[in-house]
């Protein structure tokens, strides 16, 4: 695979003078990503490839790369460990520099196939985030004409919601100033009186629930591969979650999280369970449009020894402080071993997608897929929308949970939701 580099110079006006203009601490969101990168032994790449509009030139793609570098500080940020420190704790935000755009010729092959190869190459080749620009971009040409574009970057650049904001602004080529706080603004806020109050309150929340943490530490020798991935696609969850949410007056995510608590309690025998849930933190007005990682793990602790409606109510109450105190310095929080939860769904999958209500309410079947690339949390449940179903993906450390226990959790979530009334029994 031949990649021809094209230099893309850039110059921004918000970082001072010189290529390595500003050295600052990492934001809390960036620190959370650095901690995850260490834990999972991965640079946590995100992105993919897509077609380009007809008539697009290589110069157009270079202009898009230049736009993102000049508009968003996170695209021209590199990591640094200050003298005497072994860990990345600071960042260098450049005001100018030269980035690289790769150009590949399909040579009669399907450009989509070539783009997939380039994407795989990017993902499997770890960059040096202390010297390289974090994002990688390539354009795939067919007989000299751009056909597809590949863009891969680490989660250190942004989270999923930030990526969506960036793509929208790049598509529209906004020229108005960036709204909300930029990463360097966030660093300054973290050291302010308001930032210190926020972190102090969050730390008290974690300390208050410390006795409930650590129940899922490794307890057994795990066969290879130690880290496994189980997937269950459930039409039943898609059909029942919105109905139960409407009846109980909470959102679907709360119902699903409550089912996760109930299933974990049943499998482990523990009444009180601690789950760290991914919180966007974008309900904070000044962070709503940030193109930088803002999501962090909030701590939610619930006593699940009750009927499911009571568990839903308890989760709804516990989720409020979990979200409120999910904005903190993760380097100041001790390492914990809990189950985790990430609801990535954007829309509720309609039960009518299958036409036949009986099919819409059918259960899913658990499957084991290729394992994750590296270490994970004891158990990490991700929920996604797929047509007519909710997909549950469970990344597991089998030194903490056996495969049989993971299947029991997946089916347990579906069972408790499936057996719960969807209409009020009150007259």
Protein backbone atom coordinates (compact mmCIF):
# COMPACT_ATOMS: atom_id res chain seq x y z
CA UNK A 1 0.00 0.00 0.00
CA UNK A 2 1.57 3.26 -1.16
CA UNK A 3 0.64 6.44 0.67
CA UNK A 4 1.90 9.70 -0.80
CA UNK A 5 2.16 12.45 1.82
CA UNK A 6 0.93 15.98 1.14
CA UNK A 7 1.99 18.75 3.53
CA UNK A 8 -0.88 20.77 5.01
CA UNK A 9 0.36 23.92 6.77
CA UNK A 10 -1.96 25.56 9.28
CA UNK A 11 -1.96 28.64 11.48
CA UNK A 12 -4.48 29.34 14.24
CA UNK A 13 -4.97 32.53 16.19
CA UNK A 14 -5.98 31.21 19.62
CA UNK A 15 -2.82 29.59 21.06
CA UNK A 16 -0.19 32.32 21.09
CA UNK A 17 2.94 32.60 18.97
CA UNK A 18 5.05 29.70 17.68
CA UNK A 19 4.37 26.06 16.89
CA UNK A 20 4.45 24.85 20.50
CA UNK A 21 2.79 27.89 21.98
CA UNK A 22 0.94 26.83 25.12
CA UNK A 23 1.72 24.17 27.70
CA UNK A 24 -1.15 23.43 30.07
CA UNK A 25 -2.53 20.71 32.27
CA UNK A 26 -4.84 18.19 30.66
CA UNK A 27 -8.55 18.74 31.08
CA UNK A 28 -10.39 16.24 33.27
CA UNK A 29 -11.96 14.70 30.19
CA UNK A 30 -8.53 14.33 28.56
CA UNK A 31 -7.18 12.76 31.76
CA UNK A 32 -10.05 10.27 31.72
CA UNK A 33 -9.06 9.28 28.17
CA UNK A 34 -5.37 8.98 29.09
CA UNK A 35 -6.32 6.73 32.02
CA UNK A 36 -8.48 4.58 29.73
CA UNK A 37 -5.67 4.36 27.16
CA UNK A 38 -3.30 3.06 29.83
CA UNK A 39 -5.87 0.65 31.25
CA UNK A 40 -6.86 -0.77 27.88
CA UNK A 41 -3.34 -0.61 26.39
CA UNK A 42 -4.76 1.11 23.34
CA UNK A 43 -4.60 4.55 21.74
CA UNK A 44 -8.41 4.21 21.47
CA UNK A 45 -8.83 5.14 17.79
CA UNK A 46 -12.18 6.31 16.48
CA UNK A 47 -13.44 7.32 13.04
CA UNK A 48 -13.77 5.53 9.69
CA UNK A 49 -14.08 6.19 5.97
CA UNK A 50 -16.78 7.73 3.81
CA UNK A 51 -17.37 8.80 0.20
CA UNK A 52 -16.52 12.35 -0.83
CA UNK A 53 -18.92 14.53 -2.86
CA UNK A 54 -18.48 14.43 -6.63
CA UNK A 55 -16.02 17.02 -7.85
CA UNK A 56 -13.95 16.98 -4.65
CA UNK A 57 -10.22 17.55 -5.21
CA UNK A 58 -7.22 16.59 -3.08
CA UNK A 59 -6.87 20.30 -2.33
CA UNK A 60 -10.44 20.32 -0.99
CA UNK A 61 -9.64 17.47 1.42
CA UNK A 62 -6.46 19.27 2.49
CA UNK A 63 -8.55 22.38 3.14
CA UNK A 64 -10.88 20.34 5.36
CA UNK A 65 -7.93 19.04 7.38
CA UNK A 66 -6.55 22.59 7.69
CA UNK A 67 -9.97 23.86 8.84
CA UNK A 68 -10.21 21.32 11.67
CA UNK A 69 -6.66 22.02 12.83
CA UNK A 70 -7.21 25.77 12.90
CA UNK A 71 -10.69 25.68 14.44
CA UNK A 72 -10.25 23.02 17.14
CA UNK A 73 -7.45 23.06 19.69
CA UNK A 74 -7.74 19.33 20.32
CA UNK A 75 -6.63 18.56 16.73
CA UNK A 76 -3.31 20.33 17.31
CA UNK A 77 -2.67 19.04 20.81
CA UNK A 78 0.21 16.78 21.80
CA UNK A 79 0.92 15.15 25.14
CA UNK A 80 3.84 15.87 27.44
CA UNK A 81 5.14 14.54 30.74
CA UNK A 82 6.87 17.41 32.58
CA UNK A 83 10.38 16.85 33.93
CA UNK A 84 10.24 14.57 36.92
CA UNK A 85 6.91 13.03 35.87
CA UNK A 86 6.58 9.61 34.26
CA UNK A 87 2.95 10.08 33.20
CA UNK A 88 1.27 12.33 30.68
CA UNK A 89 -0.35 15.10 32.69
CA UNK A 90 0.06 18.11 30.38
CA UNK A 91 -0.61 19.11 26.80
CA UNK A 92 1.03 21.34 24.22
CA UNK A 93 -1.43 23.24 22.01
CA UNK A 94 0.26 24.51 18.86
CA UNK A 95 -0.64 27.74 17.09
CA UNK A 96 0.84 26.62 13.78
CA UNK A 97 2.53 23.72 12.12
CA UNK A 98 2.42 21.31 9.21
CA UNK A 99 0.11 18.29 9.18
CA UNK A 100 0.14 15.37 6.74
CA UNK A 101 -2.55 14.23 4.36
CA UNK A 102 -1.99 10.80 2.79
CA UNK A 103 -3.07 10.16 -0.80
CA UNK A 104 -3.60 6.61 -2.11
CA UNK A 105 -4.47 5.53 -5.65
CA UNK A 106 -6.96 2.66 -5.96
CA UNK A 107 -5.38 1.56 -9.29
CA UNK A 108 -8.55 -0.12 -10.53
CA UNK A 109 -9.43 -1.68 -7.15
CA UNK A 110 -12.63 -0.78 -5.35
CA UNK A 111 -11.89 2.51 -3.51
CA UNK A 112 -14.04 1.29 -0.62
CA UNK A 113 -11.77 -1.74 -0.20
CA UNK A 114 -8.64 0.41 -0.36
CA UNK A 115 -10.12 2.81 2.22
CA UNK A 116 -10.82 -0.13 4.52
CA UNK A 117 -7.17 -1.23 4.25
CA UNK A 118 -5.94 2.29 5.02
CA UNK A 119 -8.30 2.54 7.98
CA UNK A 120 -7.06 -0.80 9.34
CA UNK A 121 -3.46 0.37 8.91
CA UNK A 122 -4.15 3.59 10.76
CA UNK A 123 -5.92 1.82 13.62
CA UNK A 124 -3.23 -0.82 14.07
CA UNK A 125 -0.29 1.61 14.00
CA UNK A 126 0.01 3.45 17.30
CA UNK A 127 1.08 7.08 16.88
CA UNK A 128 3.50 8.86 19.16
CA UNK A 129 1.10 11.32 20.72
CA UNK A 130 3.98 13.39 22.09
CA UNK A 131 5.32 14.23 18.61
CA UNK A 132 2.60 13.36 16.07
CA UNK A 133 -0.57 15.31 15.42
CA UNK A 134 -3.34 13.12 16.85
CA UNK A 135 -5.56 12.81 13.76
CA UNK A 136 -4.74 10.84 10.62
CA UNK A 137 -6.40 11.56 7.29
CA UNK A 138 -6.16 10.03 3.83
CA UNK A 139 -7.92 10.48 0.51
CA UNK A 140 -8.43 7.49 -1.81
CA UNK A 141 -8.39 8.33 -5.52
CA UNK A 142 -9.71 6.42 -8.52
CA UNK A 143 -7.68 7.40 -11.59
CA UNK A 144 -6.59 10.57 -9.84
CA UNK A 145 -10.08 11.61 -8.71
CA UNK A 146 -10.86 11.49 -4.96
CA UNK A 147 -13.47 8.83 -4.17
CA UNK A 148 -13.26 8.24 -0.40
CA UNK A 149 -11.77 9.85 2.67
CA UNK A 150 -10.37 8.14 5.77
CA UNK A 151 -10.16 9.94 9.12
CA UNK A 152 -8.95 8.25 12.31
CA UNK A 153 -8.18 9.94 15.61
CA UNK A 154 -7.84 8.93 19.27
CA UNK A 155 -10.64 9.56 21.75
CA UNK A 156 -8.16 12.00 23.25
CA UNK A 157 -9.24 14.43 20.49
CA UNK A 158 -12.96 14.25 21.28
CA UNK A 159 -15.82 12.00 22.33
CA UNK A 160 -18.68 10.80 20.15
CA UNK A 161 -20.92 13.83 20.68
CA UNK A 162 -18.01 16.19 20.12
CA UNK A 163 -17.22 14.37 16.88
CA UNK A 164 -20.81 14.89 15.70
CA UNK A 165 -20.53 18.62 16.44
CA UNK A 166 -17.21 18.80 14.59
CA UNK A 167 -18.56 16.98 11.51
CA UNK A 168 -21.57 19.31 11.38
CA UNK A 169 -19.42 22.45 11.62
CA UNK A 170 -16.88 21.14 9.10
CA UNK A 171 -19.68 20.31 6.66
CA UNK A 172 -21.12 23.81 6.98
CA UNK A 173 -17.66 25.44 7.20
CA UNK A 174 -18.68 27.70 10.05
CA UNK A 175 -16.59 30.84 10.31
CA UNK A 176 -18.16 32.17 13.51
CA UNK A 177 -16.07 31.82 16.69
CA UNK A 178 -16.19 28.48 18.51
CA UNK A 179 -19.06 28.47 21.01
CA UNK A 180 -18.54 27.52 24.63
CA UNK A 181 -15.24 26.67 26.26
CA UNK A 182 -12.18 25.46 24.40
CA UNK A 183 -9.80 22.93 26.04
CA UNK A 184 -7.42 25.66 27.26
CA UNK A 185 -10.41 27.55 28.68
CA UNK A 186 -11.51 24.38 30.47
CA UNK A 187 -8.06 23.97 32.03
CA UNK A 188 -8.29 27.51 33.38
CA UNK A 189 -11.80 26.87 34.75
CA UNK A 190 -10.68 23.68 36.51
CA UNK A 191 -8.30 25.73 38.67
CA UNK A 192 -10.92 28.36 39.45
CA UNK A 193 -12.95 28.46 42.66
CA UNK A 194 -15.94 26.98 40.80
CA UNK A 195 -13.86 24.14 39.37
CA UNK A 196 -12.35 23.32 42.76
CA UNK A 197 -15.83 23.26 44.33
CA UNK A 198 -17.06 20.89 41.62
CA UNK A 199 -14.16 18.47 42.08
CA UNK A 200 -14.36 18.61 45.88
CA UNK A 201 -18.07 17.77 45.84
CA UNK A 202 -17.46 14.93 43.37
CA UNK A 203 -14.67 13.54 45.54
CA UNK A 204 -16.99 13.52 48.56
CA UNK A 205 -19.56 11.57 46.49
CA UNK A 206 -16.97 8.92 45.61
CA UNK A 207 -15.67 8.71 49.18
CA UNK A 208 -19.22 8.34 50.54
CA UNK A 209 -19.77 5.25 48.38
CA UNK A 210 -16.27 3.79 48.78
CA UNK A 211 -17.49 0.80 50.89
CA UNK A 212 -19.60 -0.35 47.90
CA UNK A 213 -16.67 -0.41 45.47
CA UNK A 214 -14.32 -3.20 44.47
CA UNK A 215 -16.76 -6.12 44.60
CA UNK A 216 -15.76 -7.28 41.10
CA UNK A 217 -11.98 -7.57 41.54
CA UNK A 218 -10.34 -10.57 39.74
CA UNK A 219 -11.04 -13.74 41.69
CA UNK A 220 -10.12 -16.62 39.37
CA UNK A 221 -7.59 -17.78 36.83
CA UNK A 222 -8.98 -16.97 33.41
CA UNK A 223 -8.44 -19.10 30.31
CA UNK A 224 -7.12 -17.41 27.18
CA UNK A 225 -8.41 -15.15 25.84
CA UNK A 226 -8.99 -13.49 29.19
CA UNK A 227 -10.98 -10.59 27.73
CA UNK A 228 -14.13 -11.56 25.85
CA UNK A 229 -17.03 -9.87 24.03
CA UNK A 230 -20.65 -11.07 24.17
CA UNK A 231 -23.42 -9.53 22.05
CA UNK A 232 -27.19 -9.90 22.33
CA UNK A 233 -29.57 -8.16 19.90
CA UNK A 234 -33.00 -7.98 21.48
CA UNK A 235 -36.23 -6.99 19.70
CA UNK A 236 -37.92 -7.51 23.08
CA UNK A 237 -35.92 -4.69 24.68
CA UNK A 238 -36.74 -2.37 21.78
CA UNK A 239 -40.43 -3.13 22.21
CA UNK A 240 -40.65 -3.00 26.00
CA UNK A 241 -38.25 -0.26 27.10
CA UNK A 242 -40.32 2.68 25.76
CA UNK A 243 -43.52 1.18 27.17
CA UNK A 244 -42.08 0.71 30.67
CA UNK A 245 -40.51 4.16 30.54
CA UNK A 246 -43.86 5.72 29.66
CA UNK A 247 -45.61 3.87 32.49
CA UNK A 248 -43.02 4.68 35.17
CA UNK A 249 -42.32 8.25 34.06
CA UNK A 250 -38.57 7.85 33.55
CA UNK A 251 -36.42 7.67 30.40
CA UNK A 252 -35.54 4.42 28.63
CA UNK A 253 -31.90 4.61 29.70
CA UNK A 254 -32.94 4.57 33.37
CA UNK A 255 -35.10 1.47 32.77
CA UNK A 256 -32.22 -0.29 31.01
CA UNK A 257 -29.74 0.66 33.74
CA UNK A 258 -32.20 -0.62 36.37
CA UNK A 259 -32.44 -3.93 34.50
CA UNK A 260 -28.63 -4.10 34.49
CA UNK A 261 -28.57 -3.57 38.27
CA UNK A 262 -31.23 -6.24 38.77
CA UNK A 263 -29.40 -8.76 36.58
CA UNK A 264 -26.05 -8.08 38.26
CA UNK A 265 -27.62 -8.49 41.69
CA UNK A 266 -29.17 -11.82 40.68
CA UNK A 267 -25.93 -13.17 39.18
CA UNK A 268 -23.56 -12.00 41.92
CA UNK A 269 -25.81 -12.39 44.95
CA UNK A 270 -25.01 -8.84 46.06
CA UNK A 271 -27.95 -6.62 47.00
CA UNK A 272 -26.01 -3.35 46.72
CA UNK A 273 -24.22 -2.86 43.42
CA UNK A 274 -21.94 -0.04 42.20
CA UNK A 275 -22.00 0.76 38.49
CA UNK A 276 -19.99 3.48 36.79
CA UNK A 277 -22.02 4.95 33.96
CA UNK A 278 -20.75 7.04 31.07
CA UNK A 279 -22.02 10.61 31.50
CA UNK A 280 -21.79 13.08 28.63
CA UNK A 281 -21.43 16.16 30.90
CA UNK A 282 -22.83 18.15 27.97
CA UNK A 283 -25.91 19.14 29.94
CA UNK A 284 -23.55 21.81 31.33
CA UNK A 285 -24.22 24.80 29.08
CA UNK A 286 -20.61 25.90 28.68
CA UNK A 287 -19.57 22.36 27.69
CA UNK A 288 -22.41 21.53 25.32
CA UNK A 289 -20.50 22.27 22.10
CA UNK A 290 -16.93 21.40 23.13
CA UNK A 291 -14.89 19.43 20.58
CA UNK A 292 -12.79 17.62 23.15
CA UNK A 293 -13.43 14.61 25.40
CA UNK A 294 -15.89 15.62 28.12
CA UNK A 295 -17.55 12.29 28.96
CA UNK A 296 -16.55 10.69 32.26
CA UNK A 297 -17.70 7.81 34.42
CA UNK A 298 -20.23 8.72 37.10
CA UNK A 299 -20.68 6.50 40.14
CA UNK A 300 -24.19 5.09 40.70
CA UNK A 301 -24.84 2.85 43.73
CA UNK A 302 -28.20 1.10 44.20
CA UNK A 303 -29.71 -1.48 46.53
CA UNK A 304 -31.41 -3.84 44.07
CA UNK A 305 -33.13 -6.06 46.64
CA UNK A 306 -36.64 -4.97 45.62
CA UNK A 307 -39.27 -5.32 42.93
CA UNK A 308 -38.27 -3.97 39.54
CA UNK A 309 -40.46 -0.86 39.76
CA UNK A 310 -38.75 0.00 43.06
CA UNK A 311 -35.33 -0.63 41.49
CA UNK A 312 -36.25 1.74 38.64
CA UNK A 313 -37.22 4.43 41.16
CA UNK A 314 -34.00 3.89 43.14
CA UNK A 315 -31.86 4.09 39.98
CA UNK A 316 -33.66 7.28 38.92
CA UNK A 317 -32.78 8.85 42.29
CA UNK A 318 -29.19 7.56 42.34
CA UNK A 319 -28.51 8.57 38.73
CA UNK A 320 -29.00 12.26 39.51
CA UNK A 321 -25.98 12.60 41.85
CA UNK A 322 -24.04 10.16 39.63
CA UNK A 323 -24.42 12.59 36.73
CA UNK A 324 -23.96 15.70 38.85
CA UNK A 325 -20.64 14.42 40.21
CA UNK A 326 -19.36 12.85 36.99
CA UNK A 327 -17.14 15.87 36.30
CA UNK A 328 -13.91 15.57 38.30
CA UNK A 329 -10.16 14.97 38.09
CA UNK A 330 -9.89 11.20 37.47
CA UNK A 331 -6.20 11.21 38.50
CA UNK A 332 -7.39 12.04 42.04
CA UNK A 333 -9.88 9.14 42.20
CA UNK A 334 -8.51 5.75 43.32
CA UNK A 335 -8.69 2.88 40.85
CA UNK A 336 -11.89 0.91 41.34
CA UNK A 337 -13.24 -2.34 39.91
CA UNK A 338 -16.93 -2.04 39.10
CA UNK A 339 -19.28 -2.88 36.29
CA UNK A 340 -19.74 -0.04 33.79
CA UNK A 341 -22.62 1.12 31.61
CA UNK A 342 -22.70 3.13 28.40
CA UNK A 343 -26.01 3.84 26.66
CA UNK A 344 -24.98 4.96 23.17
CA UNK A 345 -28.49 4.88 21.70
CA UNK A 346 -29.73 8.01 19.99
CA UNK A 347 -33.30 6.96 19.18
CA UNK A 348 -35.70 4.37 20.48
CA UNK A 349 -36.05 1.44 18.07
CA UNK A 350 -39.77 1.18 17.27
CA UNK A 351 -41.51 -2.11 17.99
CA UNK A 352 -43.40 -1.68 14.73
CA UNK A 353 -40.17 -2.10 12.75
CA UNK A 354 -41.08 -5.73 12.19
CA UNK A 355 -44.74 -5.10 11.46
CA UNK A 356 -45.78 -8.18 13.47
CA UNK A 357 -45.96 -7.34 17.22
CA UNK A 358 -45.17 -10.96 18.09
CA UNK A 359 -41.89 -10.76 16.19
CA UNK A 360 -41.11 -7.38 17.68
CA UNK A 361 -41.29 -8.89 21.17
CA UNK A 362 -39.11 -11.92 20.51
CA UNK A 363 -36.02 -12.54 22.67
CA UNK A 364 -32.44 -12.26 21.43
CA UNK A 365 -29.68 -14.86 21.28
CA UNK A 366 -26.29 -14.22 22.88
CA UNK A 367 -23.23 -14.57 20.63
CA UNK A 368 -19.53 -14.45 21.41
CA UNK A 369 -17.48 -12.30 19.03
CA UNK A 370 -13.79 -11.54 18.56
CA UNK A 371 -12.36 -10.34 21.88
CA UNK A 372 -11.59 -6.67 22.53
CA UNK A 373 -8.02 -5.62 21.70
CA UNK A 374 -6.89 -5.29 25.29
CA UNK A 375 -7.85 -5.18 28.95
CA UNK A 376 -11.27 -3.91 29.85
CA UNK A 377 -13.22 -3.16 33.02
CA UNK A 378 -14.55 -6.16 34.96
CA UNK A 379 -17.70 -5.76 32.86
CA UNK A 380 -18.66 -2.98 30.45
CA UNK A 381 -22.16 -2.97 28.97
CA UNK A 382 -22.72 -0.86 25.84
CA UNK A 383 -26.22 -0.37 24.42
CA UNK A 384 -26.79 0.59 20.78
CA UNK A 385 -29.74 0.98 18.44
CA UNK A 386 -30.03 -1.43 15.54
CA UNK A 387 -33.10 -1.76 13.26
CA UNK A 388 -35.93 -3.21 15.33
CA UNK A 389 -33.74 -4.15 18.30
CA UNK A 390 -31.44 -2.99 21.07
CA UNK A 391 -27.94 -4.41 20.86
CA UNK A 392 -26.21 -5.19 24.16
CA UNK A 393 -22.42 -5.54 23.92
CA UNK A 394 -20.72 -6.88 27.04
CA UNK A 395 -16.92 -6.57 27.23
CA UNK A 396 -15.77 -8.74 30.11
CA UNK A 397 -12.72 -9.70 32.11
CA UNK A 398 -13.27 -13.44 32.62
CA UNK A 399 -11.10 -13.30 35.76
CA UNK A 400 -14.04 -11.40 37.26
CA UNK A 401 -17.06 -12.97 35.50
CA UNK A 402 -17.29 -16.31 33.76
CA UNK A 403 -18.81 -16.54 30.27
CA UNK A 404 -21.84 -18.32 31.77
CA UNK A 405 -22.34 -15.45 34.23
CA UNK A 406 -22.13 -12.91 31.40
CA UNK A 407 -24.80 -14.72 29.41
CA UNK A 408 -26.90 -14.79 32.57
CA UNK A 409 -26.51 -11.00 32.88
CA UNK A 410 -27.49 -10.44 29.24
CA UNK A 411 -30.50 -12.73 29.39
CA UNK A 412 -31.36 -11.41 32.85
CA UNK A 413 -31.63 -7.85 31.54
CA UNK A 414 -33.97 -9.03 28.80
CA UNK A 415 -35.99 -11.22 31.18
CA UNK A 416 -36.66 -8.56 33.81
CA UNK A 417 -37.72 -6.07 31.14
CA UNK A 418 -39.80 -8.67 29.32
CA UNK A 419 -41.65 -9.78 32.45
CA UNK A 420 -42.44 -6.29 33.72
CA UNK A 421 -45.96 -4.93 33.11
CA UNK A 422 -46.05 -2.23 30.46
CA UNK A 423 -49.36 -0.77 31.59
CA UNK A 424 -50.44 0.44 34.97
CA UNK A 425 -52.63 -2.04 36.84
CA UNK A 426 -54.35 0.77 38.75
CA UNK A 427 -57.99 1.42 37.73
